[in-house]
């Protein structure tokens, strides 16, 4: 339908506090890492950095922008005192009523209503603001394993959450919380195992091929 065709990016800043999340959790370790990276960035490059990291969003009922990626970045910027970001609108669905809007978003894999235990929740339980996002330590693990070369970056939506669930079934939470760096080292070969072959970005070797 025409309303789902990409439109030109919004050319004016959008307040971060007005952004609506399309997921329930983030990896807070990853948010912290982005905050640290931001603090080390020269101030004269801040504008260029944000301009090159526009937040993709869908305009929903009442014109609210629902972001479909870069939740970690947006939350990190908010916690660092940044008030506005640039948003790229990928679809305008503001004419839809709320219930149909959320169903449409879900059907297009633009929602990830799963909690920190990997359990699907109702649409009405989605956070209303970035600051309401919960912490999923396994999402932090998935991101760090990818950066360590355990699997490749993939365009598949919510790839890191799929990997988070893979690790969730194999690594105990207390071990993850107490020995994060050690668990990352153990999780890299685990990600390359044939058991993970079905996941996007799998970088292992299939011995049967």
C-alpha atoms as a PDB file:
ATOM      1  CA  UNK A   1       0.000   0.000   0.000  1.00  0.00           C
ATOM      2  CA  UNK A   2       1.145   3.543  -0.661  1.00  0.00           C
ATOM      3  CA  UNK A   3       1.205   4.455   2.981  1.00  0.00           C
ATOM      4  CA  UNK A   4       3.995   1.963   3.633  1.00  0.00           C
ATOM      5  CA  UNK A   5       6.317   3.420   1.000  1.00  0.00           C
ATOM      6  CA  UNK A   6       9.375   5.211   2.401  1.00  0.00           C
ATOM      7  CA  UNK A   7       9.020   8.960   2.621  1.00  0.00           C
ATOM      8  CA  UNK A   8      11.596  11.707   2.911  1.00  0.00           C
ATOM      9  CA  UNK A   9      13.344  11.967   6.271  1.00  0.00           C
ATOM     10  CA  UNK A  10      12.041  14.560   8.685  1.00  0.00           C
ATOM     11  CA  UNK A  11      14.420  17.468   8.372  1.00  0.00           C
ATOM     12  CA  UNK A  12      13.904  18.886  11.820  1.00  0.00           C
ATOM     13  CA  UNK A  13      14.873  17.390  15.202  1.00  0.00           C
ATOM     14  CA  UNK A  14      12.421  15.301  17.199  1.00  0.00           C
ATOM     15  CA  UNK A  15      12.458  15.329  20.981  1.00  0.00           C
ATOM     16  CA  UNK A  16      13.784  12.049  22.355  1.00  0.00           C
ATOM     17  CA  UNK A  17      11.166  12.054  25.084  1.00  0.00           C
ATOM     18  CA  UNK A  18       8.473  11.928  22.386  1.00  0.00           C
ATOM     19  CA  UNK A  19       9.828   8.746  20.793  1.00  0.00           C
ATOM     20  CA  UNK A  20       7.786   5.593  21.368  1.00  0.00           C
ATOM     21  CA  UNK A  21       9.668   2.276  21.737  1.00  0.00           C
ATOM     22  CA  UNK A  22       8.641  -0.777  19.729  1.00  0.00           C
ATOM     23  CA  UNK A  23      10.370  -3.205  22.090  1.00  0.00           C
ATOM     24  CA  UNK A  24      10.264  -3.833  25.827  1.00  0.00           C
ATOM     25  CA  UNK A  25      13.929  -4.174  26.733  1.00  0.00           C
ATOM     26  CA  UNK A  26      17.464  -3.144  25.854  1.00  0.00           C
ATOM     27  CA  UNK A  27      20.864  -4.344  27.002  1.00  0.00           C
ATOM     28  CA  UNK A  28      21.842  -1.764  29.596  1.00  0.00           C
ATOM     29  CA  UNK A  29      25.522  -2.691  29.307  1.00  0.00           C
ATOM     30  CA  UNK A  30      25.293  -1.687  25.670  1.00  0.00           C
ATOM     31  CA  UNK A  31      23.550   1.562  26.578  1.00  0.00           C
ATOM     32  CA  UNK A  32      26.324   2.305  29.071  1.00  0.00           C
ATOM     33  CA  UNK A  33      28.978   1.601  26.423  1.00  0.00           C
ATOM     34  CA  UNK A  34      27.309   4.051  24.032  1.00  0.00           C
ATOM     35  CA  UNK A  35      27.180   6.669  26.766  1.00  0.00           C
ATOM     36  CA  UNK A  36      30.901   6.226  27.411  1.00  0.00           C
ATOM     37  CA  UNK A  37      31.642   6.466  23.704  1.00  0.00           C
ATOM     38  CA  UNK A  38      29.611   9.682  23.516  1.00  0.00           C
ATOM     39  CA  UNK A  39      31.517  11.240  26.410  1.00  0.00           C
ATOM     40  CA  UNK A  40      34.824  10.556  24.662  1.00  0.00           C
ATOM     41  CA  UNK A  41      33.649  11.998  21.358  1.00  0.00           C
ATOM     42  CA  UNK A  42      34.956  15.501  20.529  1.00  0.00           C
ATOM     43  CA  UNK A  43      32.154  18.022  20.945  1.00  0.00           C
ATOM     44  CA  UNK A  44      32.734  19.455  17.487  1.00  0.00           C
ATOM     45  CA  UNK A  45      31.863  16.079  15.931  1.00  0.00           C
ATOM     46  CA  UNK A  46      28.696  15.486  17.951  1.00  0.00           C
ATOM     47  CA  UNK A  47      26.326  17.026  15.426  1.00  0.00           C
ATOM     48  CA  UNK A  48      27.851  15.098  12.526  1.00  0.00           C
ATOM     49  CA  UNK A  49      27.614  11.859  14.491  1.00  0.00           C
ATOM     50  CA  UNK A  50      23.922  12.303  15.289  1.00  0.00           C
ATOM     51  CA  UNK A  51      23.222  13.414  11.738  1.00  0.00           C
ATOM     52  CA  UNK A  52      24.699  10.177  10.422  1.00  0.00           C
ATOM     53  CA  UNK A  53      22.683   8.068  12.861  1.00  0.00           C
ATOM     54  CA  UNK A  54      19.121   9.090  12.101  1.00  0.00           C
ATOM     55  CA  UNK A  55      16.539   7.059  14.014  1.00  0.00           C
ATOM     56  CA  UNK A  56      14.139   5.102  11.744  1.00  0.00           C
ATOM     57  CA  UNK A  57      10.546   5.530  12.825  1.00  0.00           C
ATOM     58  CA  UNK A  58       6.936   4.939  11.842  1.00  0.00           C
ATOM     59  CA  UNK A  59       4.408   7.697  12.426  1.00  0.00           C
ATOM     60  CA  UNK A  60       1.540   6.224  14.412  1.00  0.00           C
ATOM     61  CA  UNK A  61      -1.797   7.501  15.774  1.00  0.00           C
ATOM     62  CA  UNK A  62      -1.752  11.168  16.772  1.00  0.00           C
ATOM     63  CA  UNK A  63       1.496  11.562  14.855  1.00  0.00           C
ATOM     64  CA  UNK A  64       3.647   9.865  17.502  1.00  0.00           C
ATOM     65  CA  UNK A  65       6.973   8.568  16.126  1.00  0.00           C
ATOM     66  CA  UNK A  66       7.504   4.878  16.957  1.00  0.00           C
ATOM     67  CA  UNK A  67      11.177   4.007  16.508  1.00  0.00           C
ATOM     68  CA  UNK A  68      12.001   0.650  14.937  1.00  0.00           C
ATOM     69  CA  UNK A  69      15.770   0.635  15.518  1.00  0.00           C
ATOM     70  CA  UNK A  70      18.542   2.355  17.502  1.00  0.00           C
ATOM     71  CA  UNK A  71      16.751   2.108  20.852  1.00  0.00           C
ATOM     72  CA  UNK A  72      20.106   1.776  22.630  1.00  0.00           C
ATOM     73  CA  UNK A  73      21.508   4.870  20.965  1.00  0.00           C
ATOM     74  CA  UNK A  74      18.403   6.971  21.592  1.00  0.00           C
ATOM     75  CA  UNK A  75      18.267   5.989  25.272  1.00  0.00           C
ATOM     76  CA  UNK A  76      22.002   6.608  25.703  1.00  0.00           C
ATOM     77  CA  UNK A  77      21.684  10.079  24.183  1.00  0.00           C
ATOM     78  CA  UNK A  78      18.727  10.894  26.425  1.00  0.00           C
ATOM     79  CA  UNK A  79      20.623   9.799  29.531  1.00  0.00           C
ATOM     80  CA  UNK A  80      23.555  11.967  28.416  1.00  0.00           C
ATOM     81  CA  UNK A  81      21.338  15.021  28.259  1.00  0.00           C
ATOM     82  CA  UNK A  82      20.747  15.162  24.499  1.00  0.00           C
ATOM     83  CA  UNK A  83      17.208  16.409  23.920  1.00  0.00           C
ATOM     84  CA  UNK A  84      16.716  16.001  20.158  1.00  0.00           C
ATOM     85  CA  UNK A  85      17.637  13.540  17.415  1.00  0.00           C
ATOM     86  CA  UNK A  86      17.018  13.331  13.694  1.00  0.00           C
ATOM     87  CA  UNK A  87      14.325  10.874  12.628  1.00  0.00           C
ATOM     88  CA  UNK A  88      13.879   9.138   9.290  1.00  0.00           C
ATOM     89  CA  UNK A  89      10.244   8.194   8.682  1.00  0.00           C
ATOM     90  CA  UNK A  90       9.893   4.832   6.931  1.00  0.00           C
ATOM     91  CA  UNK A  91       6.067   4.728   6.952  1.00  0.00           C
ATOM     92  CA  UNK A  92       3.136   6.998   7.825  1.00  0.00           C
ATOM     93  CA  UNK A  93       0.400   5.072   9.597  1.00  0.00           C
ATOM     94  CA  UNK A  94      -1.077   7.948  11.583  1.00  0.00           C
ATOM     95  CA  UNK A  95      -4.509   7.415   9.991  1.00  0.00           C
ATOM     96  CA  UNK A  96      -4.891   3.993  11.636  1.00  0.00           C
ATOM     97  CA  UNK A  97      -6.602   3.518  15.010  1.00  0.00           C
ATOM     98  CA  UNK A  98      -4.292   2.285  17.751  1.00  0.00           C
ATOM     99  CA  UNK A  99      -5.372  -1.374  17.684  1.00  0.00           C
ATOM    100  CA  UNK A 100      -5.003  -1.721  13.915  1.00  0.00           C
ATOM    101  CA  UNK A 101      -1.762   0.229  13.969  1.00  0.00           C
ATOM    102  CA  UNK A 102      -0.161  -2.165  16.448  1.00  0.00           C
ATOM    103  CA  UNK A 103      -1.443  -5.214  14.556  1.00  0.00           C
ATOM    104  CA  UNK A 104       0.017  -3.807  11.334  1.00  0.00           C
ATOM    105  CA  UNK A 105       3.346  -3.098  13.026  1.00  0.00           C
ATOM    106  CA  UNK A 106       3.443  -6.620  14.470  1.00  0.00           C
ATOM    107  CA  UNK A 107       2.657  -8.206  11.094  1.00  0.00           C
ATOM    108  CA  UNK A 108       5.556  -6.294   9.516  1.00  0.00           C
ATOM    109  CA  UNK A 109       7.948  -7.330  12.299  1.00  0.00           C
ATOM    110  CA  UNK A 110       8.215  -3.736  13.482  1.00  0.00           C
ATOM    111  CA  UNK A 111       7.338  -4.697  17.061  1.00  0.00           C
ATOM    112  CA  UNK A 112       9.136  -6.927  19.526  1.00  0.00           C
ATOM    113  CA  UNK A 113       6.795  -7.224  22.531  1.00  0.00           C
ATOM    114  CA  UNK A 114       8.954  -9.644  24.530  1.00  0.00           C
ATOM    115  CA  UNK A 115      10.044  -9.078  28.106  1.00  0.00           C
ATOM    116  CA  UNK A 116      13.399  -9.634  29.811  1.00  0.00           C
ATOM    117  CA  UNK A 117      12.624 -13.347  30.130  1.00  0.00           C
ATOM    118  CA  UNK A 118      11.941 -13.705  26.427  1.00  0.00           C
ATOM    119  CA  UNK A 119       8.183 -14.033  26.989  1.00  0.00           C
ATOM    120  CA  UNK A 120       5.723 -12.373  24.621  1.00  0.00           C
ATOM    121  CA  UNK A 121       3.486  -9.779  26.263  1.00  0.00           C
ATOM    122  CA  UNK A 122       0.405  -7.830  25.230  1.00  0.00           C
ATOM    123  CA  UNK A 123       0.618  -4.704  23.100  1.00  0.00           C
ATOM    124  CA  UNK A 124      -0.748  -2.690  26.020  1.00  0.00           C
ATOM    125  CA  UNK A 125       2.374  -3.571  28.018  1.00  0.00           C
ATOM    126  CA  UNK A 126       4.775  -1.881  25.600  1.00  0.00           C
ATOM    127  CA  UNK A 127       6.676   0.963  27.280  1.00  0.00           C
ATOM    128  CA  UNK A 128       5.460   4.479  26.546  1.00  0.00           C
ATOM    129  CA  UNK A 129       8.923   6.022  26.771  1.00  0.00           C
ATOM    130  CA  UNK A 130      12.530   4.993  26.275  1.00  0.00           C
ATOM    131  CA  UNK A 131      13.185   5.442  29.978  1.00  0.00           C
ATOM    132  CA  UNK A 132      10.610   2.713  30.691  1.00  0.00           C
ATOM    133  CA  UNK A 133      12.618   0.069  28.816  1.00  0.00           C
ATOM    134  CA  UNK A 134      13.744  -2.855  30.943  1.00  0.00           C
ATOM    135  CA  UNK A 135      17.182  -4.463  31.031  1.00  0.00           C
ATOM    136  CA  UNK A 136      17.771  -7.799  29.314  1.00  0.00           C
ATOM    137  CA  UNK A 137      21.330  -8.951  30.159  1.00  0.00           C
ATOM    138  CA  UNK A 138      21.156 -11.536  27.381  1.00  0.00           C
ATOM    139  CA  UNK A 139      20.636  -8.741  24.847  1.00  0.00           C
ATOM    140  CA  UNK A 140      23.891  -7.196  26.088  1.00  0.00           C
ATOM    141  CA  UNK A 141      25.573 -10.584  25.713  1.00  0.00           C
ATOM    142  CA  UNK A 142      24.273 -10.998  22.159  1.00  0.00           C
ATOM    143  CA  UNK A 143      25.599  -7.603  21.138  1.00  0.00           C
ATOM    144  CA  UNK A 144      29.023  -8.238  22.650  1.00  0.00           C
ATOM    145  CA  UNK A 145      29.283 -11.694  21.056  1.00  0.00           C
ATOM    146  CA  UNK A 146      28.579 -10.172  17.634  1.00  0.00           C
ATOM    147  CA  UNK A 147      31.270  -7.534  18.156  1.00  0.00           C
ATOM    148  CA  UNK A 148      33.652 -10.322  19.191  1.00  0.00           C
ATOM    149  CA  UNK A 149      33.028 -12.101  15.874  1.00  0.00           C
ATOM    150  CA  UNK A 150      30.659 -14.796  17.102  1.00  0.00           C
ATOM    151  CA  UNK A 151      28.165 -14.045  14.341  1.00  0.00           C
ATOM    152  CA  UNK A 152      27.752 -11.519  11.558  1.00  0.00           C
ATOM    153  CA  UNK A 153      25.606  -8.401  11.465  1.00  0.00           C
ATOM    154  CA  UNK A 154      22.293  -9.143   9.747  1.00  0.00           C
ATOM    155  CA  UNK A 155      19.477  -6.980   8.349  1.00  0.00           C
ATOM    156  CA  UNK A 156      16.932  -9.313   9.956  1.00  0.00           C
ATOM    157  CA  UNK A 157      14.874  -7.258  12.441  1.00  0.00           C
ATOM    158  CA  UNK A 158      15.650  -7.886  16.101  1.00  0.00           C
ATOM    159  CA  UNK A 159      18.538 -10.230  15.240  1.00  0.00           C
ATOM    160  CA  UNK A 160      20.243  -9.605  18.582  1.00  0.00           C
ATOM    161  CA  UNK A 161      17.083 -10.590  20.465  1.00  0.00           C
ATOM    162  CA  UNK A 162      16.957 -13.900  18.570  1.00  0.00           C
ATOM    163  CA  UNK A 163      20.538 -14.538  19.643  1.00  0.00           C
ATOM    164  CA  UNK A 164      19.694 -13.398  23.171  1.00  0.00           C
ATOM    165  CA  UNK A 165      17.043 -16.125  23.386  1.00  0.00           C
ATOM    166  CA  UNK A 166      19.550 -18.675  22.086  1.00  0.00           C
ATOM    167  CA  UNK A 167      21.951 -17.789  24.903  1.00  0.00           C
ATOM    168  CA  UNK A 168      19.105 -17.509  27.418  1.00  0.00           C
ATOM    169  CA  UNK A 169      18.433 -21.242  27.027  1.00  0.00           C
ATOM    170  CA  UNK A 170      22.098 -22.175  27.527  1.00  0.00           C
ATOM    171  CA  UNK A 171      23.682 -19.764  30.008  1.00  0.00           C
ATOM    172  CA  UNK A 172      22.507 -19.182  33.564  1.00  0.00           C
ATOM    173  CA  UNK A 173      21.646 -15.601  34.479  1.00  0.00           C
ATOM    174  CA  UNK A 174      23.731 -15.500  37.654  1.00  0.00           C
ATOM    175  CA  UNK A 175      26.827 -16.581  35.733  1.00  0.00           C
ATOM    176  CA  UNK A 176      26.152 -13.912  33.117  1.00  0.00           C
ATOM    177  CA  UNK A 177      25.752 -11.189  35.717  1.00  0.00           C
ATOM    178  CA  UNK A 178      28.812 -12.180  37.748  1.00  0.00           C
ATOM    179  CA  UNK A 179      31.283 -13.110  35.003  1.00  0.00           C
ATOM    180  CA  UNK A 180      30.230 -11.193  31.910  1.00  0.00           C
ATOM    181  CA  UNK A 181      33.612 -11.056  30.130  1.00  0.00           C
ATOM    182  CA  UNK A 182      34.233 -14.754  30.747  1.00  0.00           C
ATOM    183  CA  UNK A 183      30.778 -15.656  29.471  1.00  0.00           C
ATOM    184  CA  UNK A 184      31.348 -13.637  26.286  1.00  0.00           C
ATOM    185  CA  UNK A 185      34.502 -15.647  25.589  1.00  0.00           C
ATOM    186  CA  UNK A 186      32.581 -18.887  26.116  1.00  0.00           C
ATOM    187  CA  UNK A 187      29.604 -17.725  24.054  1.00  0.00           C
ATOM    188  CA  UNK A 188      31.582 -16.964  20.866  1.00  0.00           C
ATOM    189  CA  UNK A 189      32.258 -20.637  20.022  1.00  0.00           C
ATOM    190  CA  UNK A 190      28.756 -21.475  21.210  1.00  0.00           C
ATOM    191  CA  UNK A 191      27.384 -19.047  18.614  1.00  0.00           C
ATOM    192  CA  UNK A 192      29.348 -20.829  15.889  1.00  0.00           C
ATOM    193  CA  UNK A 193      28.001 -24.242  16.840  1.00  0.00           C
ATOM    194  CA  UNK A 194      25.608 -26.024  14.484  1.00  0.00           C
ATOM    195  CA  UNK A 195      22.836 -25.596  17.058  1.00  0.00           C
ATOM    196  CA  UNK A 196      22.781 -21.909  16.090  1.00  0.00           C
ATOM    197  CA  UNK A 197      22.730 -22.573  12.355  1.00  0.00           C
ATOM    198  CA  UNK A 198      19.138 -21.352  12.018  1.00  0.00           C
ATOM    199  CA  UNK A 199      19.925 -17.896  13.388  1.00  0.00           C
ATOM    200  CA  UNK A 200      20.607 -14.849  11.178  1.00  0.00           C
ATOM    201  CA  UNK A 201      24.292 -14.047  10.803  1.00  0.00           C
ATOM    202  CA  UNK A 202      25.461 -17.527  11.797  1.00  0.00           C
ATOM    203  CA  UNK A 203      29.197 -17.709  11.094  1.00  0.00           C
ATOM    204  CA  UNK A 204      29.975 -21.329  11.871  1.00  0.00           C
ATOM    205  CA  UNK A 205      31.080 -24.128   9.580  1.00  0.00           C
ATOM    206  CA  UNK A 206      28.664 -26.896   8.676  1.00  0.00           C
ATOM    207  CA  UNK A 207      30.728 -30.072   8.662  1.00  0.00           C
ATOM    208  CA  UNK A 208      28.118 -31.837   6.523  1.00  0.00           C
ATOM    209  CA  UNK A 209      28.518 -29.387   3.626  1.00  0.00           C
END
